[in-house]
Amino acid sequence: MAHGRFLAPDIGRHLLREEDEVVVDEVTHHWVAYLPASAYGLVGLVLVLWLPVVDADLGGIVLLIALALLLVGAWKGLGVHVDRFVITNMRVFRVKGVLAQSLATMPLTRILDITVQKPLLGRLLGYGHFVFESAAQAQGLRDITFVGHPDERDLTIQRVVQRSGLRRRLT
């Protein structure tokens, strides 16, 4: 859980410590989620490398476009980096946003069903998407995309729900 802490949201401040809430899993996005941001950055970098051969009259415009693409790529990448899905012993919640932050939370008691979607590429690269169905649909928590090791994460949620006593044990 200590990986990727640079500019990461402070998950601890959202915990109900007086209620003994603890983090079971903090889910960051799979590396595939960074590809669109990387594409912007790569195109910006190519333009920067292309500058020495560009006509001097166009150099300023190409440089501005390259810098804009690099900034957009960095911004989008940072947005993916700070988007966290957290499983605790009491609830699941999602924190996201770079400048303005949003928090969506759902108690374990409200989770009716979790669908794990694994597209072909996701199966090959080890990611999937969660779709939560709940008693009261919480915006921001319905779709959690690009989750690494989705089957293991699903089992983690199922174990937490089972241990909390929300589901009867089958005998």
C-alpha atoms as a PDB file:
ATOM      1  CA  MET A   1       0.000   0.000   0.000  1.00  0.00           C
ATOM      2  CA  ALA A   2       2.974   2.329   0.364  1.00  0.00           C
ATOM      3  CA  HIS A   3       3.738   2.243  -3.381  1.00  0.00           C
ATOM      4  CA  GLY A   4       3.099   5.333  -5.467  1.00  0.00           C
ATOM      5  CA  ARG A   5       2.665   7.752  -2.529  1.00  0.00           C
ATOM      6  CA  PHE A   6       3.954  10.819  -4.394  1.00  0.00           C
ATOM      7  CA  LEU A   7       0.968  13.154  -4.814  1.00  0.00           C
ATOM      8  CA  ALA A   8      -1.364  10.356  -3.712  1.00  0.00           C
ATOM      9  CA  PRO A   9      -4.497  11.124  -1.699  1.00  0.00           C
ATOM     10  CA  ASP A  10      -4.290  10.738   2.066  1.00  0.00           C
ATOM     11  CA  ILE A  11      -6.548   7.720   2.502  1.00  0.00           C
ATOM     12  CA  GLY A  12      -6.040   7.661   6.269  1.00  0.00           C
ATOM     13  CA  ARG A  13      -7.918  10.909   6.784  1.00  0.00           C
ATOM     14  CA  HIS A  14     -11.086   9.294   5.390  1.00  0.00           C
ATOM     15  CA  LEU A  15     -11.058   6.376   7.818  1.00  0.00           C
ATOM     16  CA  LEU A  16     -13.419   6.129  10.777  1.00  0.00           C
ATOM     17  CA  ARG A  17     -10.631   5.372  13.240  1.00  0.00           C
ATOM     18  CA  GLU A  18     -12.893   5.725  16.294  1.00  0.00           C
ATOM     19  CA  GLU A  19     -14.997   2.907  14.780  1.00  0.00           C
ATOM     20  CA  ASP A  20     -11.858   0.758  14.227  1.00  0.00           C
ATOM     21  CA  GLU A  21     -12.072   1.027  10.446  1.00  0.00           C
ATOM     22  CA  VAL A  22      -8.941  -0.299   8.740  1.00  0.00           C
ATOM     23  CA  VAL A  23      -7.826  -0.465   5.123  1.00  0.00           C
ATOM     24  CA  VAL A  24      -7.945  -3.978   3.698  1.00  0.00           C
ATOM     25  CA  ASP A  25      -6.820  -2.993   0.187  1.00  0.00           C
ATOM     26  CA  GLU A  26      -6.012   0.263  -1.591  1.00  0.00           C
ATOM     27  CA  VAL A  27      -6.439  -0.198  -5.318  1.00  0.00           C
ATOM     28  CA  THR A  28      -4.519   1.897  -7.801  1.00  0.00           C
ATOM     29  CA  HIS A  29      -5.121   1.648 -11.518  1.00  0.00           C
ATOM     30  CA  HIS A  30      -3.376  -0.922 -13.683  1.00  0.00           C
ATOM     31  CA  TRP A  31      -0.601   0.553 -15.843  1.00  0.00           C
ATOM     32  CA  VAL A  32      -2.841   0.289 -18.921  1.00  0.00           C
ATOM     33  CA  ALA A  33      -4.931   3.176 -17.554  1.00  0.00           C
ATOM     34  CA  TYR A  34      -1.911   5.453 -18.059  1.00  0.00           C
ATOM     35  CA  LEU A  35      -1.664   4.756 -21.807  1.00  0.00           C
ATOM     36  CA  PRO A  36      -3.872   7.653 -23.017  1.00  0.00           C
ATOM     37  CA  ALA A  37      -1.888  10.124 -20.898  1.00  0.00           C
ATOM     38  CA  SER A  38       1.349   8.587 -22.142  1.00  0.00           C
ATOM     39  CA  ALA A  39       0.201   8.985 -25.743  1.00  0.00           C
ATOM     40  CA  TYR A  40      -0.198  12.745 -25.251  1.00  0.00           C
ATOM     41  CA  GLY A  41       3.231  12.922 -23.674  1.00  0.00           C
ATOM     42  CA  LEU A  42       4.819  10.834 -26.408  1.00  0.00           C
ATOM     43  CA  VAL A  43       3.395  13.010 -29.187  1.00  0.00           C
ATOM     44  CA  GLY A  44       4.588  16.097 -27.294  1.00  0.00           C
ATOM     45  CA  LEU A  45       8.066  14.591 -26.922  1.00  0.00           C
ATOM     46  CA  VAL A  46       8.205  13.720 -30.636  1.00  0.00           C
ATOM     47  CA  LEU A  47       7.332  17.325 -31.457  1.00  0.00           C
ATOM     48  CA  VAL A  48      10.088  18.579 -29.152  1.00  0.00           C
ATOM     49  CA  LEU A  49      12.587  16.252 -30.835  1.00  0.00           C
ATOM     50  CA  TRP A  50      11.320  17.427 -34.228  1.00  0.00           C
ATOM     51  CA  LEU A  51      11.999  21.103 -33.385  1.00  0.00           C
ATOM     52  CA  PRO A  52      15.590  21.232 -34.772  1.00  0.00           C
ATOM     53  CA  VAL A  53      14.361  20.332 -38.266  1.00  0.00           C
ATOM     54  CA  VAL A  54      11.250  22.549 -38.251  1.00  0.00           C
ATOM     55  CA  ASP A  55      11.295  25.826 -40.133  1.00  0.00           C
ATOM     56  CA  ALA A  56      12.228  28.650 -37.752  1.00  0.00           C
ATOM     57  CA  ASP A  57       8.960  30.479 -38.449  1.00  0.00           C
ATOM     58  CA  LEU A  58       6.957  27.466 -37.236  1.00  0.00           C
ATOM     59  CA  GLY A  59       9.253  26.561 -34.330  1.00  0.00           C
ATOM     60  CA  GLY A  60       7.372  28.649 -31.774  1.00  0.00           C
ATOM     61  CA  ILE A  61       4.013  27.151 -32.694  1.00  0.00           C
ATOM     62  CA  VAL A  62       5.383  23.600 -32.654  1.00  0.00           C
ATOM     63  CA  LEU A  63       6.983  24.258 -29.268  1.00  0.00           C
ATOM     64  CA  LEU A  64       3.696  25.577 -27.835  1.00  0.00           C
ATOM     65  CA  ILE A  65       1.795  22.562 -29.161  1.00  0.00           C
ATOM     66  CA  ALA A  66       4.446  20.208 -27.769  1.00  0.00           C
ATOM     67  CA  LEU A  67       4.350  21.851 -24.347  1.00  0.00           C
ATOM     68  CA  ALA A  68       0.535  21.775 -24.333  1.00  0.00           C
ATOM     69  CA  LEU A  69       0.544  18.064 -25.170  1.00  0.00           C
ATOM     70  CA  LEU A  70       3.139  17.355 -22.475  1.00  0.00           C
ATOM     71  CA  LEU A  71       1.070  19.272 -19.900  1.00  0.00           C
ATOM     72  CA  VAL A  72      -2.173  17.536 -20.902  1.00  0.00           C
ATOM     73  CA  GLY A  73      -0.424  14.157 -20.675  1.00  0.00           C
ATOM     74  CA  ALA A  74       0.999  14.970 -17.239  1.00  0.00           C
ATOM     75  CA  TRP A  75      -2.394  16.221 -16.010  1.00  0.00           C
ATOM     76  CA  LYS A  76      -4.231  13.148 -17.261  1.00  0.00           C
ATOM     77  CA  GLY A  77      -1.573  10.866 -15.779  1.00  0.00           C
ATOM     78  CA  LEU A  78      -1.817  12.614 -12.431  1.00  0.00           C
ATOM     79  CA  GLY A  79      -5.603  12.218 -12.550  1.00  0.00           C
ATOM     80  CA  VAL A  80      -5.215   8.461 -12.976  1.00  0.00           C
ATOM     81  CA  HIS A  81      -2.581   8.338 -10.226  1.00  0.00           C
ATOM     82  CA  VAL A  82      -4.740  10.015  -7.580  1.00  0.00           C
ATOM     83  CA  ASP A  83      -7.853   7.959  -8.382  1.00  0.00           C
ATOM     84  CA  ARG A  84      -7.989   5.345  -5.592  1.00  0.00           C
ATOM     85  CA  PHE A  85     -10.504   2.659  -4.740  1.00  0.00           C
ATOM     86  CA  VAL A  86     -10.297   1.552  -1.117  1.00  0.00           C
ATOM     87  CA  ILE A  87     -11.694  -1.544   0.569  1.00  0.00           C
ATOM     88  CA  THR A  88     -12.005  -1.362   4.342  1.00  0.00           C
ATOM     89  CA  ASN A  89     -13.487  -3.684   6.932  1.00  0.00           C
ATOM     90  CA  MET A  90     -16.658  -1.531   6.884  1.00  0.00           C
ATOM     91  CA  ARG A  91     -17.127  -0.064   3.409  1.00  0.00           C
ATOM     92  CA  VAL A  92     -15.686   0.626  -0.001  1.00  0.00           C
ATOM     93  CA  PHE A  93     -14.863   4.134  -1.134  1.00  0.00           C
ATOM     94  CA  ARG A  94     -13.256   5.977  -4.001  1.00  0.00           C
ATOM     95  CA  VAL A  95     -11.186   9.142  -3.790  1.00  0.00           C
ATOM     96  CA  LYS A  96     -10.321  10.988  -6.978  1.00  0.00           C
ATOM     97  CA  GLY A  97      -9.465  14.421  -8.277  1.00  0.00           C
ATOM     98  CA  VAL A  98      -6.318  16.490  -8.582  1.00  0.00           C
ATOM     99  CA  LEU A  99      -7.327  19.999  -7.505  1.00  0.00           C
ATOM    100  CA  ALA A 100     -10.925  19.352  -6.498  1.00  0.00           C
ATOM    101  CA  GLN A 101     -11.313  16.020  -4.767  1.00  0.00           C
ATOM    102  CA  SER A 102     -14.412  13.851  -4.621  1.00  0.00           C
ATOM    103  CA  LEU A 103     -15.203  10.986  -2.279  1.00  0.00           C
ATOM    104  CA  ALA A 104     -17.838   8.330  -3.016  1.00  0.00           C
ATOM    105  CA  THR A 105     -18.526   5.742  -0.351  1.00  0.00           C
ATOM    106  CA  MET A 106     -20.687   2.652   0.012  1.00  0.00           C
ATOM    107  CA  PRO A 107     -21.148   0.616   3.188  1.00  0.00           C
ATOM    108  CA  LEU A 108     -20.647  -3.117   2.715  1.00  0.00           C
ATOM    109  CA  THR A 109     -24.309  -3.604   3.622  1.00  0.00           C
ATOM    110  CA  ARG A 110     -25.366  -1.826   0.418  1.00  0.00           C
ATOM    111  CA  ILE A 111     -23.368  -3.985  -1.980  1.00  0.00           C
ATOM    112  CA  LEU A 112     -25.848  -6.276  -3.704  1.00  0.00           C
ATOM    113  CA  ASP A 113     -23.699  -7.566  -6.522  1.00  0.00           C
ATOM    114  CA  ILE A 114     -20.257  -7.091  -8.028  1.00  0.00           C
ATOM    115  CA  THR A 115     -19.667  -7.879 -11.678  1.00  0.00           C
ATOM    116  CA  VAL A 116     -16.057  -8.368 -12.723  1.00  0.00           C
ATOM    117  CA  GLN A 117     -15.594  -7.658 -16.421  1.00  0.00           C
ATOM    118  CA  LYS A 118     -12.409  -8.890 -18.041  1.00  0.00           C
ATOM    119  CA  PRO A 119     -12.048  -7.981 -21.709  1.00  0.00           C
ATOM    120  CA  LEU A 120      -9.657 -10.103 -23.774  1.00  0.00           C
ATOM    121  CA  LEU A 121      -6.845  -7.564 -23.448  1.00  0.00           C
ATOM    122  CA  GLY A 122      -7.547  -7.344 -19.725  1.00  0.00           C
ATOM    123  CA  ARG A 123      -7.266 -11.106 -19.371  1.00  0.00           C
ATOM    124  CA  LEU A 124      -3.944 -11.037 -21.210  1.00  0.00           C
ATOM    125  CA  LEU A 125      -2.513  -8.097 -19.253  1.00  0.00           C
ATOM    126  CA  GLY A 126      -4.067  -8.792 -15.845  1.00  0.00           C
ATOM    127  CA  TYR A 127      -6.730  -6.131 -15.394  1.00  0.00           C
ATOM    128  CA  GLY A 128     -10.498  -5.917 -15.281  1.00  0.00           C
ATOM    129  CA  HIS A 129     -13.362  -3.623 -14.409  1.00  0.00           C
ATOM    130  CA  PHE A 130     -15.747  -3.754 -11.451  1.00  0.00           C
ATOM    131  CA  VAL A 131     -19.419  -2.870 -11.745  1.00  0.00           C
ATOM    132  CA  PHE A 132     -21.133  -2.456  -8.380  1.00  0.00           C
ATOM    133  CA  GLU A 133     -24.854  -2.877  -7.976  1.00  0.00           C
ATOM    134  CA  SER A 134     -26.146  -1.441  -4.744  1.00  0.00           C
ATOM    135  CA  ALA A 135     -29.357  -0.766  -2.874  1.00  0.00           C
ATOM    136  CA  ALA A 136     -28.883   2.954  -3.485  1.00  0.00           C
ATOM    137  CA  GLN A 137     -26.679   3.509  -6.522  1.00  0.00           C
ATOM    138  CA  ALA A 138     -23.741   5.675  -5.439  1.00  0.00           C
ATOM    139  CA  GLN A 139     -22.388   7.740  -8.273  1.00  0.00           C
ATOM    140  CA  GLY A 140     -18.649   7.365  -8.587  1.00  0.00           C
ATOM    141  CA  LEU A 141     -18.678   3.831  -7.251  1.00  0.00           C
ATOM    142  CA  ARG A 142     -20.658   2.006  -9.893  1.00  0.00           C
ATOM    143  CA  ASP A 143     -17.775   1.530 -12.338  1.00  0.00           C
ATOM    144  CA  ILE A 144     -14.195   1.036 -11.179  1.00  0.00           C
ATOM    145  CA  THR A 145     -12.046   0.565 -14.258  1.00  0.00           C
ATOM    146  CA  PHE A 146      -8.577  -0.864 -14.893  1.00  0.00           C
ATOM    147  CA  VAL A 147      -8.287  -2.833 -11.662  1.00  0.00           C
ATOM    148  CA  GLY A 148      -5.170  -4.986 -11.508  1.00  0.00           C
ATOM    149  CA  HIS A 149      -5.666  -8.609 -10.383  1.00  0.00           C
ATOM    150  CA  PRO A 150      -9.471  -8.267 -10.499  1.00  0.00           C
ATOM    151  CA  ASP A 151     -10.260 -11.814  -9.340  1.00  0.00           C
ATOM    152  CA  GLU A 152      -8.080 -11.415  -6.241  1.00  0.00           C
ATOM    153  CA  ARG A 153      -9.636  -8.024  -5.493  1.00  0.00           C
ATOM    154  CA  ASP A 154     -13.121  -9.469  -5.888  1.00  0.00           C
ATOM    155  CA  LEU A 155     -12.254 -12.263  -3.455  1.00  0.00           C
ATOM    156  CA  THR A 156     -10.929  -9.662  -1.006  1.00  0.00           C
ATOM    157  CA  ILE A 157     -14.258  -7.831  -1.079  1.00  0.00           C
ATOM    158  CA  GLN A 158     -16.187 -11.096  -0.721  1.00  0.00           C
ATOM    159  CA  ARG A 159     -14.041 -12.085   2.290  1.00  0.00           C
ATOM    160  CA  VAL A 160     -14.575  -8.724   3.975  1.00  0.00           C
ATOM    161  CA  VAL A 161     -18.328  -8.952   3.435  1.00  0.00           C
ATOM    162  CA  GLN A 162     -18.362 -12.527   4.762  1.00  0.00           C
ATOM    163  CA  ARG A 163     -16.235 -11.700   7.835  1.00  0.00           C
ATOM    164  CA  SER A 164     -18.409  -8.718   8.669  1.00  0.00           C
ATOM    165  CA  GLY A 165     -21.335 -11.105   9.135  1.00  0.00           C
ATOM    166  CA  LEU A 166     -23.415  -9.469   6.408  1.00  0.00           C
ATOM    167  CA  ARG A 167     -23.939 -12.784   4.654  1.00  0.00           C
ATOM    168  CA  ARG A 168     -24.927 -16.017   6.288  1.00  0.00           C
ATOM    169  CA  ARG A 169     -22.494 -18.872   6.048  1.00  0.00           C
ATOM    170  CA  LEU A 170     -23.715 -21.784   3.974  1.00  0.00           C
ATOM    171  CA  THR A 171     -23.905 -24.947   6.024  1.00  0.00           C
END
